[in-house]
PDB file of N, CA and C in Angstrom:
ATOM      1  N   MET A   1       5.900   4.757  -2.866  1.00  0.00           N
ATOM      2  CA  MET A   1       5.528   5.199  -4.186  1.00  0.00           C
ATOM      3  C   MET A   1       4.961   6.613  -4.114  1.00  0.00           C
ATOM      4  N   LYS A   2       5.181   7.339  -5.170  1.00  0.00           N
ATOM      5  CA  LYS A   2       4.632   8.679  -5.250  1.00  0.00           C
ATOM      6  C   LYS A   2       3.257   8.622  -5.899  1.00  0.00           C
ATOM      7  N   ILE A   3       2.439   9.612  -5.580  1.00  0.00           N
ATOM      8  CA  ILE A   3       1.098   9.687  -6.148  1.00  0.00           C
ATOM      9  C   ILE A   3       1.150   9.761  -7.669  1.00  0.00           C
ATOM     10  N   SER A   4       2.100  10.512  -8.206  1.00  0.00           N
ATOM     11  CA  SER A   4       2.200  10.636  -9.662  1.00  0.00           C
ATOM     12  C   SER A   4       2.490   9.277 -10.310  1.00  0.00           C
ATOM     13  N   GLU A   5       3.271   8.445  -9.645  1.00  0.00           N
ATOM     14  CA  GLU A   5       3.538   7.104 -10.160  1.00  0.00           C
ATOM     15  C   GLU A   5       2.280   6.238 -10.092  1.00  0.00           C
ATOM     16  N   LEU A   6       1.507   6.400  -9.026  1.00  0.00           N
ATOM     17  CA  LEU A   6       0.295   5.601  -8.865  1.00  0.00           C
ATOM     18  C   LEU A   6      -0.760   5.970  -9.893  1.00  0.00           C
ATOM     19  N   ARG A   7      -0.835   7.250 -10.238  1.00  0.00           N
ATOM     20  CA  ARG A   7      -1.853   7.693 -11.191  1.00  0.00           C
ATOM     21  C   ARG A   7      -1.594   7.163 -12.599  1.00  0.00           C
ATOM     22  N   GLU A   8      -0.377   6.752 -12.881  1.00  0.00           N
ATOM     23  CA  GLU A   8      -0.037   6.210 -14.194  1.00  0.00           C
ATOM     24  C   GLU A   8      -0.427   4.739 -14.332  1.00  0.00           C
ATOM     25  N   LEU A   9      -0.725   4.078 -13.229  1.00  0.00           N
ATOM     26  CA  LEU A   9      -1.055   2.660 -13.257  1.00  0.00           C
ATOM     27  C   LEU A   9      -2.528   2.457 -13.585  1.00  0.00           C
ATOM     28  N   ASN A  10      -2.829   1.299 -14.197  1.00  0.00           N
ATOM     29  CA  ASN A  10      -4.231   0.981 -14.453  1.00  0.00           C
ATOM     30  C   ASN A  10      -4.816   0.274 -13.232  1.00  0.00           C
ATOM     31  N   LYS A  11      -6.090  -0.053 -13.314  1.00  0.00           N
ATOM     32  CA  LYS A  11      -6.794  -0.591 -12.151  1.00  0.00           C
ATOM     33  C   LYS A  11      -6.225  -1.949 -11.703  1.00  0.00           C
ATOM     34  N   ASP A  12      -5.838  -2.787 -12.657  1.00  0.00           N
ATOM     35  CA  ASP A  12      -5.276  -4.096 -12.305  1.00  0.00           C
ATOM     36  C   ASP A  12      -3.932  -3.956 -11.599  1.00  0.00           C
ATOM     37  N   GLU A  13      -3.109  -3.051 -12.091  1.00  0.00           N
ATOM     38  CA  GLU A  13      -1.800  -2.828 -11.472  1.00  0.00           C
ATOM     39  C   GLU A  13      -1.949  -2.232 -10.071  1.00  0.00           C
ATOM     40  N   LEU A  14      -2.940  -1.351  -9.898  1.00  0.00           N
ATOM     41  CA  LEU A  14      -3.196  -0.782  -8.576  1.00  0.00           C
ATOM     42  C   LEU A  14      -3.661  -1.858  -7.598  1.00  0.00           C
ATOM     43  N   ALA A  15      -4.513  -2.758  -8.082  1.00  0.00           N
ATOM     44  CA  ALA A  15      -4.995  -3.842  -7.234  1.00  0.00           C
ATOM     45  C   ALA A  15      -3.837  -4.746  -6.807  1.00  0.00           C
ATOM     46  N   LYS A  16      -2.916  -4.999  -7.721  1.00  0.00           N
ATOM     47  CA  LYS A  16      -1.750  -5.826  -7.401  1.00  0.00           C
ATOM     48  C   LYS A  16      -0.848  -5.120  -6.389  1.00  0.00           C
ATOM     49  N   ALA A  17      -0.631  -3.814  -6.588  1.00  0.00           N
ATOM     50  CA  ALA A  17       0.196  -3.047  -5.652  1.00  0.00           C
ATOM     51  C   ALA A  17      -0.450  -2.996  -4.276  1.00  0.00           C
ATOM     52  N   LEU A  18      -1.778  -2.865  -4.238  1.00  0.00           N
ATOM     53  CA  LEU A  18      -2.500  -2.843  -2.966  1.00  0.00           C
ATOM     54  C   LEU A  18      -2.341  -4.168  -2.234  1.00  0.00           C
ATOM     55  N   HIS A  19      -2.467  -5.256  -2.967  1.00  0.00           N
ATOM     56  CA  HIS A  19      -2.307  -6.581  -2.359  1.00  0.00           C
ATOM     57  C   HIS A  19      -0.899  -6.753  -1.788  1.00  0.00           C
ATOM     58  N   GLU A  20       0.103  -6.312  -2.536  1.00  0.00           N
ATOM     59  CA  GLU A  20       1.488  -6.441  -2.084  1.00  0.00           C
ATOM     60  C   GLU A  20       1.748  -5.607  -0.832  1.00  0.00           C
ATOM     61  N   LYS A  21       1.229  -4.381  -0.810  1.00  0.00           N
ATOM     62  CA  LYS A  21       1.435  -3.510   0.356  1.00  0.00           C
ATOM     63  C   LYS A  21       0.732  -4.057   1.584  1.00  0.00           C
ATOM     64  N   ARG A  22      -0.466  -4.606   1.398  1.00  0.00           N
ATOM     65  CA  ARG A  22      -1.182  -5.187   2.538  1.00  0.00           C
ATOM     66  C   ARG A  22      -0.457  -6.419   3.060  1.00  0.00           C
ATOM     67  N   GLN A  23       0.128  -7.204   2.167  1.00  0.00           N
ATOM     68  CA  GLN A  23       0.904  -8.367   2.594  1.00  0.00           C
ATOM     69  C   GLN A  23       2.153  -7.915   3.350  1.00  0.00           C
ATOM     70  N   THR A  24       2.801  -6.866   2.865  1.00  0.00           N
ATOM     71  CA  THR A  24       3.975  -6.313   3.540  1.00  0.00           C
ATOM     72  C   THR A  24       3.607  -5.826   4.934  1.00  0.00           C
ATOM     73  N   LEU A  25       2.468  -5.164   5.055  1.00  0.00           N
ATOM     74  CA  LEU A  25       2.005  -4.667   6.345  1.00  0.00           C
ATOM     75  C   LEU A  25       1.759  -5.819   7.311  1.00  0.00           C
ATOM     76  N   LYS A  26       1.160  -6.876   6.809  1.00  0.00           N
ATOM     77  CA  LYS A  26       0.909  -8.066   7.632  1.00  0.00           C
ATOM     78  C   LYS A  26       2.225  -8.665   8.120  1.00  0.00           C
ATOM     79  N   ASP A  27       3.188  -8.782   7.211  1.00  0.00           N
ATOM     80  CA  ASP A  27       4.488  -9.337   7.574  1.00  0.00           C
ATOM     81  C   ASP A  27       5.219  -8.462   8.587  1.00  0.00           C
ATOM     82  N   LEU A  28       5.140  -7.145   8.409  1.00  0.00           N
ATOM     83  CA  LEU A  28       5.799  -6.224   9.335  1.00  0.00           C
ATOM     84  C   LEU A  28       5.207  -6.326  10.734  1.00  0.00           C
ATOM     85  N   ARG A  29       3.896  -6.417  10.814  1.00  0.00           N
ATOM     86  CA  ARG A  29       3.250  -6.549  12.126  1.00  0.00           C
ATOM     87  C   ARG A  29       3.700  -7.834  12.817  1.00  0.00           C
ATOM     88  N   PHE A  30       3.815  -8.892  12.038  1.00  0.00           N
ATOM     89  CA  PHE A  30       4.256 -10.164  12.596  1.00  0.00           C
ATOM     90  C   PHE A  30       5.701 -10.074  13.088  1.00  0.00           C
ATOM     91  N   GLU A  31       6.569  -9.429  12.294  1.00  0.00           N
ATOM     92  CA  GLU A  31       7.972  -9.299  12.669  1.00  0.00           C
ATOM     93  C   GLU A  31       8.158  -8.393  13.878  1.00  0.00           C
ATOM     94  N   ILE A  32       7.354  -7.359  14.005  1.00  0.00           N
ATOM     95  CA  ILE A  32       7.449  -6.475  15.169  1.00  0.00           C
ATOM     96  C   ILE A  32       7.014  -7.228  16.421  1.00  0.00           C
ATOM     97  N   ALA A  33       5.986  -8.048  16.291  1.00  0.00           N
ATOM     98  CA  ALA A  33       5.532  -8.841  17.432  1.00  0.00           C
ATOM     99  C   ALA A  33       6.613  -9.808  17.890  1.00  0.00           C
ATOM    100  N   GLN A  34       7.423 -10.280  16.960  1.00  0.00           N
ATOM    101  CA  GLN A  34       8.518 -11.184  17.310  1.00  0.00           C
ATOM    102  C   GLN A  34       9.748 -10.427  17.802  1.00  0.00           C
ATOM    103  N   GLY A  35       9.778  -9.126  17.565  1.00  0.00           N
ATOM    104  CA  GLY A  35      10.912  -8.327  17.988  1.00  0.00           C
ATOM    105  C   GLY A  35      12.022  -8.246  16.968  1.00  0.00           C
ATOM    106  N   LYS A  36      11.757  -8.616  15.732  1.00  0.00           N
ATOM    107  CA  LYS A  36      12.787  -8.595  14.695  1.00  0.00           C
ATOM    108  C   LYS A  36      13.008  -7.202  14.126  1.00  0.00           C
ATOM    109  N   VAL A  37      11.960  -6.379  14.109  1.00  0.00           N
ATOM    110  CA  VAL A  37      12.046  -5.048  13.508  1.00  0.00           C
ATOM    111  C   VAL A  37      12.127  -4.012  14.617  1.00  0.00           C
ATOM    112  N   LYS A  38      13.111  -3.145  14.528  1.00  0.00           N
ATOM    113  CA  LYS A  38      13.276  -2.096  15.536  1.00  0.00           C
ATOM    114  C   LYS A  38      12.600  -0.801  15.114  1.00  0.00           C
ATOM    115  N   ASN A  39      12.468  -0.565  13.800  1.00  0.00           N
ATOM    116  CA  ASN A  39      11.901   0.681  13.299  1.00  0.00           C
ATOM    117  C   ASN A  39      10.413   0.511  13.050  1.00  0.00           C
ATOM    118  N   ALA A  40       9.601   0.954  13.999  1.00  0.00           N
ATOM    119  CA  ALA A  40       8.156   0.824  13.859  1.00  0.00           C
ATOM    120  C   ALA A  40       7.596   1.846  12.869  1.00  0.00           C
ATOM    121  N   HIS A  41       8.393   2.832  12.477  1.00  0.00           N
ATOM    122  CA  HIS A  41       7.911   3.833  11.520  1.00  0.00           C
ATOM    123  C   HIS A  41       7.683   3.240  10.137  1.00  0.00           C
ATOM    124  N   VAL A  42       8.225   2.073   9.888  1.00  0.00           N
ATOM    125  CA  VAL A  42       8.024   1.406   8.601  1.00  0.00           C
ATOM    126  C   VAL A  42       6.547   1.048   8.427  1.00  0.00           C
ATOM    127  N   ILE A  43       5.877   0.690   9.513  1.00  0.00           N
ATOM    128  CA  ILE A  43       4.458   0.382   9.452  1.00  0.00           C
ATOM    129  C   ILE A  43       3.676   1.623   9.055  1.00  0.00           C
ATOM    130  N   ARG A  44       4.038   2.761   9.615  1.00  0.00           N
ATOM    131  CA  ARG A  44       3.334   3.999   9.305  1.00  0.00           C
ATOM    132  C   ARG A  44       3.446   4.347   7.818  1.00  0.00           C
ATOM    133  N   SER A  45       4.634   4.212   7.276  1.00  0.00           N
ATOM    134  CA  SER A  45       4.808   4.536   5.858  1.00  0.00           C
ATOM    135  C   SER A  45       4.077   3.531   4.961  1.00  0.00           C
ATOM    136  N   THR A  46       4.022   2.282   5.364  1.00  0.00           N
ATOM    137  CA  THR A  46       3.306   1.276   4.584  1.00  0.00           C
ATOM    138  C   THR A  46       1.799   1.535   4.616  1.00  0.00           C
ATOM    139  N   LYS A  47       1.288   1.924   5.787  1.00  0.00           N
ATOM    140  CA  LYS A  47      -0.128   2.264   5.884  1.00  0.00           C
ATOM    141  C   LYS A  47      -0.454   3.488   5.032  1.00  0.00           C
ATOM    142  N   LYS A  48       0.460   4.416   4.974  1.00  0.00           N
ATOM    143  CA  LYS A  48       0.281   5.601   4.139  1.00  0.00           C
ATOM    144  C   LYS A  48       0.236   5.204   2.672  1.00  0.00           C
ATOM    145  N   ASP A  49       1.105   4.296   2.264  1.00  0.00           N
ATOM    146  CA  ASP A  49       1.104   3.814   0.885  1.00  0.00           C
ATOM    147  C   ASP A  49      -0.223   3.136   0.533  1.00  0.00           C
ATOM    148  N   VAL A  50      -0.754   2.334   1.460  1.00  0.00           N
ATOM    149  CA  VAL A  50      -2.033   1.665   1.233  1.00  0.00           C
ATOM    150  C   VAL A  50      -3.139   2.702   1.045  1.00  0.00           C
ATOM    151  N   ALA A  51      -3.138   3.730   1.886  1.00  0.00           N
ATOM    152  CA  ALA A  51      -4.156   4.775   1.779  1.00  0.00           C
ATOM    153  C   ALA A  51      -4.050   5.525   0.455  1.00  0.00           C
ATOM    154  N   GLN A  52      -2.832   5.795   0.010  1.00  0.00           N
ATOM    155  CA  GLN A  52      -2.649   6.493  -1.262  1.00  0.00           C
ATOM    156  C   GLN A  52      -3.128   5.633  -2.435  1.00  0.00           C
ATOM    157  N   ILE A  53      -2.830   4.352  -2.391  1.00  0.00           N
ATOM    158  CA  ILE A  53      -3.276   3.449  -3.451  1.00  0.00           C
ATOM    159  C   ILE A  53      -4.796   3.393  -3.491  1.00  0.00           C
ATOM    160  N   LEU A  54      -5.428   3.299  -2.323  1.00  0.00           N
ATOM    161  CA  LEU A  54      -6.884   3.253  -2.270  1.00  0.00           C
ATOM    162  C   LEU A  54      -7.503   4.548  -2.788  1.00  0.00           C
ATOM    163  N   THR A  55      -6.886   5.677  -2.479  1.00  0.00           N
ATOM    164  CA  THR A  55      -7.393   6.960  -2.954  1.00  0.00           C
ATOM    165  C   THR A  55      -7.368   7.024  -4.472  1.00  0.00           C
ATOM    166  N   VAL A  56      -6.257   6.639  -5.061  1.00  0.00           N
ATOM    167  CA  VAL A  56      -6.144   6.658  -6.515  1.00  0.00           C
ATOM    168  C   VAL A  56      -7.071   5.619  -7.124  1.00  0.00           C
ATOM    169  N   PHE A  57      -7.152   4.454  -6.519  1.00  0.00           N
ATOM    170  CA  PHE A  57      -7.998   3.365  -7.020  1.00  0.00           C
ATOM    171  C   PHE A  57      -9.466   3.792  -7.061  1.00  0.00           C
ATOM    172  N   ASN A  58      -9.923   4.461  -6.026  1.00  0.00           N
ATOM    173  CA  ASN A  58     -11.316   4.878  -5.946  1.00  0.00           C
ATOM    174  C   ASN A  58     -11.619   6.108  -6.798  1.00  0.00           C
ATOM    175  N   SER A  59     -10.609   6.818  -7.244  1.00  0.00           N
ATOM    176  CA  SER A  59     -10.846   8.009  -8.054  1.00  0.00           C
ATOM    177  C   SER A  59     -10.899   7.687  -9.562  1.00  0.00           C
ATOM    178  N   ILE A  60     -10.615   6.439  -9.909  1.00  0.00           N
ATOM    179  CA  ILE A  60     -10.666   6.031 -11.318  1.00  0.00           C
ATOM    180  C   ILE A  60     -12.126   5.873 -11.721  1.00  0.00           C
ATOM    181  N   PRO A  61     -12.542   6.516 -12.830  1.00  0.00           N
ATOM    182  CA  PRO A  61     -13.935   6.361 -13.269  1.00  0.00           C
ATOM    183  C   PRO A  61     -14.230   4.917 -13.675  1.00  0.00           C
ATOM    184  N   THR A  62     -15.452   4.498 -13.445  1.00  0.00           N
ATOM    185  CA  THR A  62     -15.808   3.094 -13.680  1.00  0.00           C
ATOM    186  C   THR A  62     -16.236   2.802 -15.107  1.00  0.00           C
ATOM    187  N   GLY A  63     -16.517   3.809 -15.887  1.00  0.00           N
ATOM    188  CA  GLY A  63     -16.905   3.581 -17.274  1.00  0.00           C
ATOM    189  C   GLY A  63     -18.354   3.171 -17.439  1.00  0.00           C
ATOM    190  N   ILE A  64     -19.222   3.789 -16.706  1.00  0.00           N
ATOM    191  CA  ILE A  64     -20.655   3.484 -16.763  1.00  0.00           C
ATOM    192  C   ILE A  64     -21.255   3.977 -18.051  1.00  0.00           C
TER     193      ILE A  64
END
């Protein structure tokens, strides 16, 4: 996902996307351990996506 796409999402949608990416990361690690995935760079891009989601998520004002 691009940052511009993430900034258009609300907090609930970001939380859902974060959960999905973390689940994907967990699954990828499991598949690499089994030897099913040959491209380990997929983990790097997924971790980058998680970091981008967290950055946008934390930059949303809380409405105090």
